[in-house]
Amino acid sequence: DALDDLATAGITVGGGRLWRVLRAPGEQTSTCELLSYDARGLRSYRRLDAIRDPHDVCWHEGAVNVSSSWDDTVWRVTGGAVEAVWRARADDTVPDAWHVNSLLVVDGALHVCAFGRFERHKAWKVAARQDVGFVLDLRTAREAISGLTHPHAPRRRGDRHDVGVACLVAPGRVDTG
């Protein structure tokens, strides 16, 4: 079912609201638009210029977190503040190298998907090996799952992970612990 025709990068529930990140066309020029809804409808709108090319939104530890593929960063949005809580590389001058995208919480820890650890802009598109994607536990900086191809939308079901259907898992590379 479609909510409406707004291009949406992610939806999450938290703090008594439904949160929605809109995806504007153009990854270099796109800005992040964050909407929140309560039982009566639209509650707030925020344009977050610091976050470009948003890919997902997740409620974690009392705040909205947004992943950005352009700068391979996870951002935390609280009140009027937007702060980077994790970056793929200290030097973020190479855009969309890792293609950070989907977020999820497992056992209280925020996790993020990435297509791989690359040093060039969109190198993941032409990589010789495709099974270098992973789901990273941001609390421990360990890969919870590795050996994936272009992972998106991971979900935890009981003691195992399910990852988007576009992903391929290499045998023996899943840590469910």
C-alpha atoms as a PDB file:
ATOM      1  CA  ASP A   1       0.000   0.000   0.000  1.00  0.00           C
ATOM      2  CA  ALA A   2       1.240   3.495  -0.834  1.00  0.00           C
ATOM      3  CA  LEU A   3       0.985   6.303   1.704  1.00  0.00           C
ATOM      4  CA  ASP A   4       1.188   8.923  -1.039  1.00  0.00           C
ATOM      5  CA  ASP A   5       3.452   9.768  -3.966  1.00  0.00           C
ATOM      6  CA  LEU A   6       6.309  11.360  -1.985  1.00  0.00           C
ATOM      7  CA  ALA A   7       9.704   9.742  -2.697  1.00  0.00           C
ATOM      8  CA  THR A   8      10.542   8.180   0.672  1.00  0.00           C
ATOM      9  CA  ALA A   9      13.929   6.785   1.729  1.00  0.00           C
ATOM     10  CA  GLY A  10      12.810   5.365   5.072  1.00  0.00           C
ATOM     11  CA  ILE A  11      10.122   5.186   7.765  1.00  0.00           C
ATOM     12  CA  THR A  12      10.441   4.402  11.475  1.00  0.00           C
ATOM     13  CA  VAL A  13       8.400   4.699  14.670  1.00  0.00           C
ATOM     14  CA  GLY A  14       9.676   6.233  17.903  1.00  0.00           C
ATOM     15  CA  GLY A  15       8.930   8.822  20.536  1.00  0.00           C
ATOM     16  CA  GLY A  16       5.206   8.521  19.913  1.00  0.00           C
ATOM     17  CA  ARG A  17       5.587   9.476  16.253  1.00  0.00           C
ATOM     18  CA  LEU A  18       6.073   8.011  12.816  1.00  0.00           C
ATOM     19  CA  TRP A  19       9.230   9.493  11.230  1.00  0.00           C
ATOM     20  CA  ARG A  20       9.784   9.686   7.501  1.00  0.00           C
ATOM     21  CA  VAL A  21      12.828  10.704   5.471  1.00  0.00           C
ATOM     22  CA  LEU A  22      12.115  12.024   1.992  1.00  0.00           C
ATOM     23  CA  ARG A  23      14.546  11.504  -0.841  1.00  0.00           C
ATOM     24  CA  ALA A  24      15.033  14.425  -3.184  1.00  0.00           C
ATOM     25  CA  PRO A  25      16.306  13.810  -6.711  1.00  0.00           C
ATOM     26  CA  GLY A  26      20.052  14.231  -7.261  1.00  0.00           C
ATOM     27  CA  GLU A  27      22.422  12.775  -4.705  1.00  0.00           C
ATOM     28  CA  GLN A  28      24.895  15.687  -4.768  1.00  0.00           C
ATOM     29  CA  THR A  29      22.231  18.344  -4.452  1.00  0.00           C
ATOM     30  CA  SER A  30      19.606  16.476  -2.493  1.00  0.00           C
ATOM     31  CA  THR A  31      18.834  17.621   0.982  1.00  0.00           C
ATOM     32  CA  CYS A  32      17.252  15.551   3.708  1.00  0.00           C
ATOM     33  CA  GLU A  33      13.651  16.286   4.601  1.00  0.00           C
ATOM     34  CA  LEU A  34      12.422  14.783   7.858  1.00  0.00           C
ATOM     35  CA  LEU A  35       8.703  14.589   8.546  1.00  0.00           C
ATOM     36  CA  SER A  36       7.010  13.372  11.712  1.00  0.00           C
ATOM     37  CA  TYR A  37       3.403  12.318  12.140  1.00  0.00           C
ATOM     38  CA  ASP A  38       1.244  11.767  15.215  1.00  0.00           C
ATOM     39  CA  ALA A  39      -2.283  10.372  15.510  1.00  0.00           C
ATOM     40  CA  ARG A  40      -3.740  13.570  14.016  1.00  0.00           C
ATOM     41  CA  GLY A  41      -1.435  13.771  10.985  1.00  0.00           C
ATOM     42  CA  LEU A  42       1.682  15.718  10.041  1.00  0.00           C
ATOM     43  CA  ARG A  43       3.340  17.044  13.198  1.00  0.00           C
ATOM     44  CA  SER A  44       6.622  18.525  11.943  1.00  0.00           C
ATOM     45  CA  TYR A  45       8.792  19.177   8.931  1.00  0.00           C
ATOM     46  CA  ARG A  46      12.549  19.789   9.035  1.00  0.00           C
ATOM     47  CA  ARG A  47      14.938  20.365   6.183  1.00  0.00           C
ATOM     48  CA  LEU A  48      18.363  19.053   7.183  1.00  0.00           C
ATOM     49  CA  ASP A  49      20.896  20.518   4.760  1.00  0.00           C
ATOM     50  CA  ALA A  50      23.855  18.778   6.455  1.00  0.00           C
ATOM     51  CA  ILE A  51      22.482  15.378   5.407  1.00  0.00           C
ATOM     52  CA  ARG A  52      22.709  14.664   1.687  1.00  0.00           C
ATOM     53  CA  ASP A  53      21.445  11.594  -0.131  1.00  0.00           C
ATOM     54  CA  PRO A  54      19.545  10.115   2.842  1.00  0.00           C
ATOM     55  CA  HIS A  55      18.926   6.378   2.594  1.00  0.00           C
ATOM     56  CA  ASP A  56      17.190   5.330   5.811  1.00  0.00           C
ATOM     57  CA  VAL A  57      15.848   6.502   9.165  1.00  0.00           C
ATOM     58  CA  CYS A  58      15.825   4.632  12.467  1.00  0.00           C
ATOM     59  CA  TRP A  59      14.720   5.491  16.014  1.00  0.00           C
ATOM     60  CA  HIS A  60      17.503   4.696  18.490  1.00  0.00           C
ATOM     61  CA  GLU A  61      18.185   5.848  22.054  1.00  0.00           C
ATOM     62  CA  GLY A  62      15.521   8.543  22.006  1.00  0.00           C
ATOM     63  CA  ALA A  63      16.454  10.137  18.695  1.00  0.00           C
ATOM     64  CA  VAL A  64      16.102   9.860  14.956  1.00  0.00           C
ATOM     65  CA  ASN A  65      19.159   8.502  13.127  1.00  0.00           C
ATOM     66  CA  VAL A  66      19.585   8.963   9.377  1.00  0.00           C
ATOM     67  CA  SER A  67      22.050   7.227   7.061  1.00  0.00           C
ATOM     68  CA  SER A  68      23.627   9.202   4.239  1.00  0.00           C
ATOM     69  CA  SER A  69      25.204   7.451   1.272  1.00  0.00           C
ATOM     70  CA  TRP A  70      26.766  10.620  -0.119  1.00  0.00           C
ATOM     71  CA  ASP A  71      29.126  11.082   2.837  1.00  0.00           C
ATOM     72  CA  ASP A  72      28.909   7.514   4.215  1.00  0.00           C
ATOM     73  CA  THR A  73      27.756   8.803   7.592  1.00  0.00           C
ATOM     74  CA  VAL A  74      25.119   8.024  10.209  1.00  0.00           C
ATOM     75  CA  TRP A  75      23.589  11.205  11.631  1.00  0.00           C
ATOM     76  CA  ARG A  76      21.684  11.713  14.898  1.00  0.00           C
ATOM     77  CA  VAL A  77      18.901  14.309  14.897  1.00  0.00           C
ATOM     78  CA  THR A  78      17.820  15.651  18.304  1.00  0.00           C
ATOM     79  CA  GLY A  79      15.897  18.861  18.874  1.00  0.00           C
ATOM     80  CA  GLY A  80      17.662  21.449  16.742  1.00  0.00           C
ATOM     81  CA  ALA A  81      20.948  19.544  16.487  1.00  0.00           C
ATOM     82  CA  VAL A  82      22.275  17.318  13.723  1.00  0.00           C
ATOM     83  CA  GLU A  83      25.502  15.489  14.558  1.00  0.00           C
ATOM     84  CA  ALA A  84      27.525  12.757  12.913  1.00  0.00           C
ATOM     85  CA  VAL A  85      27.593   9.694  15.188  1.00  0.00           C
ATOM     86  CA  TRP A  86      29.638   7.505  12.840  1.00  0.00           C
ATOM     87  CA  ARG A  87      31.598   8.004   9.621  1.00  0.00           C
ATOM     88  CA  ALA A  88      32.955   5.300   7.350  1.00  0.00           C
ATOM     89  CA  ARG A  89      36.217   7.214   6.942  1.00  0.00           C
ATOM     90  CA  ALA A  90      37.747  10.057   8.929  1.00  0.00           C
ATOM     91  CA  ASP A  91      38.426  11.814   5.629  1.00  0.00           C
ATOM     92  CA  ASP A  92      34.984  12.187   4.070  1.00  0.00           C
ATOM     93  CA  THR A  93      36.155  13.886   0.873  1.00  0.00           C
ATOM     94  CA  VAL A  94      35.331  10.845  -1.288  1.00  0.00           C
ATOM     95  CA  PRO A  95      31.550  10.684  -1.701  1.00  0.00           C
ATOM     96  CA  ASP A  96      29.592   7.430  -1.791  1.00  0.00           C
ATOM     97  CA  ALA A  97      32.607   5.153  -1.552  1.00  0.00           C
ATOM     98  CA  TRP A  98      31.088   2.603   0.881  1.00  0.00           C
ATOM     99  CA  HIS A  99      27.412   3.277  -0.012  1.00  0.00           C
ATOM    100  CA  VAL A 100      26.158   3.347   3.568  1.00  0.00           C
ATOM    101  CA  ASN A 101      22.397   2.750   3.521  1.00  0.00           C
ATOM    102  CA  SER A 102      19.977   0.811   5.746  1.00  0.00           C
ATOM    103  CA  LEU A 103      19.826   1.072   9.558  1.00  0.00           C
ATOM    104  CA  LEU A 104      18.522  -1.295  12.226  1.00  0.00           C
ATOM    105  CA  VAL A 105      18.777  -1.848  15.975  1.00  0.00           C
ATOM    106  CA  VAL A 106      19.827  -5.269  17.311  1.00  0.00           C
ATOM    107  CA  ASP A 107      20.032  -5.878  21.061  1.00  0.00           C
ATOM    108  CA  GLY A 108      20.158  -2.129  21.711  1.00  0.00           C
ATOM    109  CA  ALA A 109      22.990  -1.473  19.236  1.00  0.00           C
ATOM    110  CA  LEU A 110      22.612   0.556  16.047  1.00  0.00           C
ATOM    111  CA  HIS A 111      23.750  -1.278  12.885  1.00  0.00           C
ATOM    112  CA  VAL A 112      24.316   0.030   9.349  1.00  0.00           C
ATOM    113  CA  CYS A 113      24.677  -1.651   5.942  1.00  0.00           C
ATOM    114  CA  ALA A 114      27.433  -0.815   3.480  1.00  0.00           C
ATOM    115  CA  PHE A 115      28.331  -2.143   0.042  1.00  0.00           C
ATOM    116  CA  GLY A 116      32.034  -2.494   0.976  1.00  0.00           C
ATOM    117  CA  ARG A 117      35.148  -0.610   2.106  1.00  0.00           C
ATOM    118  CA  PHE A 118      36.179   1.319  -0.990  1.00  0.00           C
ATOM    119  CA  GLU A 119      38.407   4.358  -1.518  1.00  0.00           C
ATOM    120  CA  ARG A 120      36.929   5.778  -4.744  1.00  0.00           C
ATOM    121  CA  HIS A 121      33.574   7.344  -5.589  1.00  0.00           C
ATOM    122  CA  LYS A 122      31.112   4.514  -6.350  1.00  0.00           C
ATOM    123  CA  ALA A 123      33.890   1.945  -6.686  1.00  0.00           C
ATOM    124  CA  TRP A 124      31.296  -0.589  -5.483  1.00  0.00           C
ATOM    125  CA  LYS A 125      29.703  -0.417  -8.946  1.00  0.00           C
ATOM    126  CA  VAL A 126      32.790  -1.807 -10.686  1.00  0.00           C
ATOM    127  CA  ALA A 127      34.386  -3.890  -7.930  1.00  0.00           C
ATOM    128  CA  ALA A 128      35.967  -7.171  -9.026  1.00  0.00           C
ATOM    129  CA  ARG A 129      34.397  -8.926  -6.020  1.00  0.00           C
ATOM    130  CA  GLN A 130      30.748  -8.336  -5.245  1.00  0.00           C
ATOM    131  CA  ASP A 131      30.556 -10.149  -1.887  1.00  0.00           C
ATOM    132  CA  VAL A 132      32.298  -7.452   0.173  1.00  0.00           C
ATOM    133  CA  GLY A 133      29.204  -5.804   1.650  1.00  0.00           C
ATOM    134  CA  PHE A 134      28.385  -6.065   5.328  1.00  0.00           C
ATOM    135  CA  VAL A 135      26.191  -5.074   8.249  1.00  0.00           C
ATOM    136  CA  LEU A 136      28.248  -3.217  10.865  1.00  0.00           C
ATOM    137  CA  ASP A 137      27.496  -3.011  14.594  1.00  0.00           C
ATOM    138  CA  LEU A 138      28.326   0.620  15.419  1.00  0.00           C
ATOM    139  CA  ARG A 139      28.734  -0.104  19.142  1.00  0.00           C
ATOM    140  CA  THR A 140      31.507  -2.677  18.643  1.00  0.00           C
ATOM    141  CA  ALA A 141      32.717  -1.632  15.151  1.00  0.00           C
ATOM    142  CA  ARG A 142      32.450  -5.336  14.202  1.00  0.00           C
ATOM    143  CA  GLU A 143      30.775  -6.760  11.139  1.00  0.00           C
ATOM    144  CA  ALA A 144      27.682  -8.633  12.317  1.00  0.00           C
ATOM    145  CA  ILE A 145      27.260 -10.057   8.803  1.00  0.00           C
ATOM    146  CA  SER A 146      29.765 -10.072   5.951  1.00  0.00           C
ATOM    147  CA  GLY A 147      30.027 -11.543   2.475  1.00  0.00           C
ATOM    148  CA  LEU A 148      27.027  -9.633   1.119  1.00  0.00           C
ATOM    149  CA  THR A 149      26.386  -8.105  -2.280  1.00  0.00           C
ATOM    150  CA  HIS A 150      24.781  -4.657  -2.145  1.00  0.00           C
ATOM    151  CA  PRO A 151      22.964  -5.235   1.189  1.00  0.00           C
ATOM    152  CA  HIS A 152      19.782  -3.316   1.998  1.00  0.00           C
ATOM    153  CA  ALA A 153      16.999  -3.598   4.570  1.00  0.00           C
ATOM    154  CA  PRO A 154      18.461  -6.032   7.126  1.00  0.00           C
ATOM    155  CA  ARG A 155      16.076  -7.280   9.800  1.00  0.00           C
ATOM    156  CA  ARG A 156      16.648  -9.429  12.849  1.00  0.00           C
ATOM    157  CA  ARG A 157      14.246 -12.367  13.274  1.00  0.00           C
ATOM    158  CA  GLY A 158      14.881 -14.290  16.455  1.00  0.00           C
ATOM    159  CA  ASP A 159      18.528 -15.304  16.453  1.00  0.00           C
ATOM    160  CA  ARG A 160      19.172 -14.709  12.746  1.00  0.00           C
ATOM    161  CA  HIS A 161      19.450 -11.840  10.283  1.00  0.00           C
ATOM    162  CA  ASP A 162      17.431 -11.477   7.096  1.00  0.00           C
ATOM    163  CA  VAL A 163      18.860  -9.159   4.464  1.00  0.00           C
ATOM    164  CA  GLY A 164      17.214  -7.682   1.376  1.00  0.00           C
ATOM    165  CA  VAL A 165      16.568 -10.050  -1.527  1.00  0.00           C
ATOM    166  CA  ALA A 166      19.091  -8.256  -3.732  1.00  0.00           C
ATOM    167  CA  CYS A 167      21.869  -9.500  -1.434  1.00  0.00           C
ATOM    168  CA  LEU A 168      23.871 -12.647  -1.819  1.00  0.00           C
ATOM    169  CA  VAL A 169      25.452 -14.225   1.253  1.00  0.00           C
ATOM    170  CA  ALA A 170      28.721 -16.103   0.888  1.00  0.00           C
ATOM    171  CA  PRO A 171      28.713 -19.418   2.815  1.00  0.00           C
ATOM    172  CA  GLY A 172      30.196 -19.351   6.282  1.00  0.00           C
ATOM    173  CA  ARG A 173      30.231 -15.577   6.683  1.00  0.00           C
ATOM    174  CA  VAL A 174      27.327 -14.953   9.055  1.00  0.00           C
ATOM    175  CA  ASP A 175      27.874 -14.167  12.736  1.00  0.00           C
ATOM    176  CA  THR A 176      24.544 -14.553  14.484  1.00  0.00           C
ATOM    177  CA  GLY A 177      26.038 -14.222  17.950  1.00  0.00           C
END
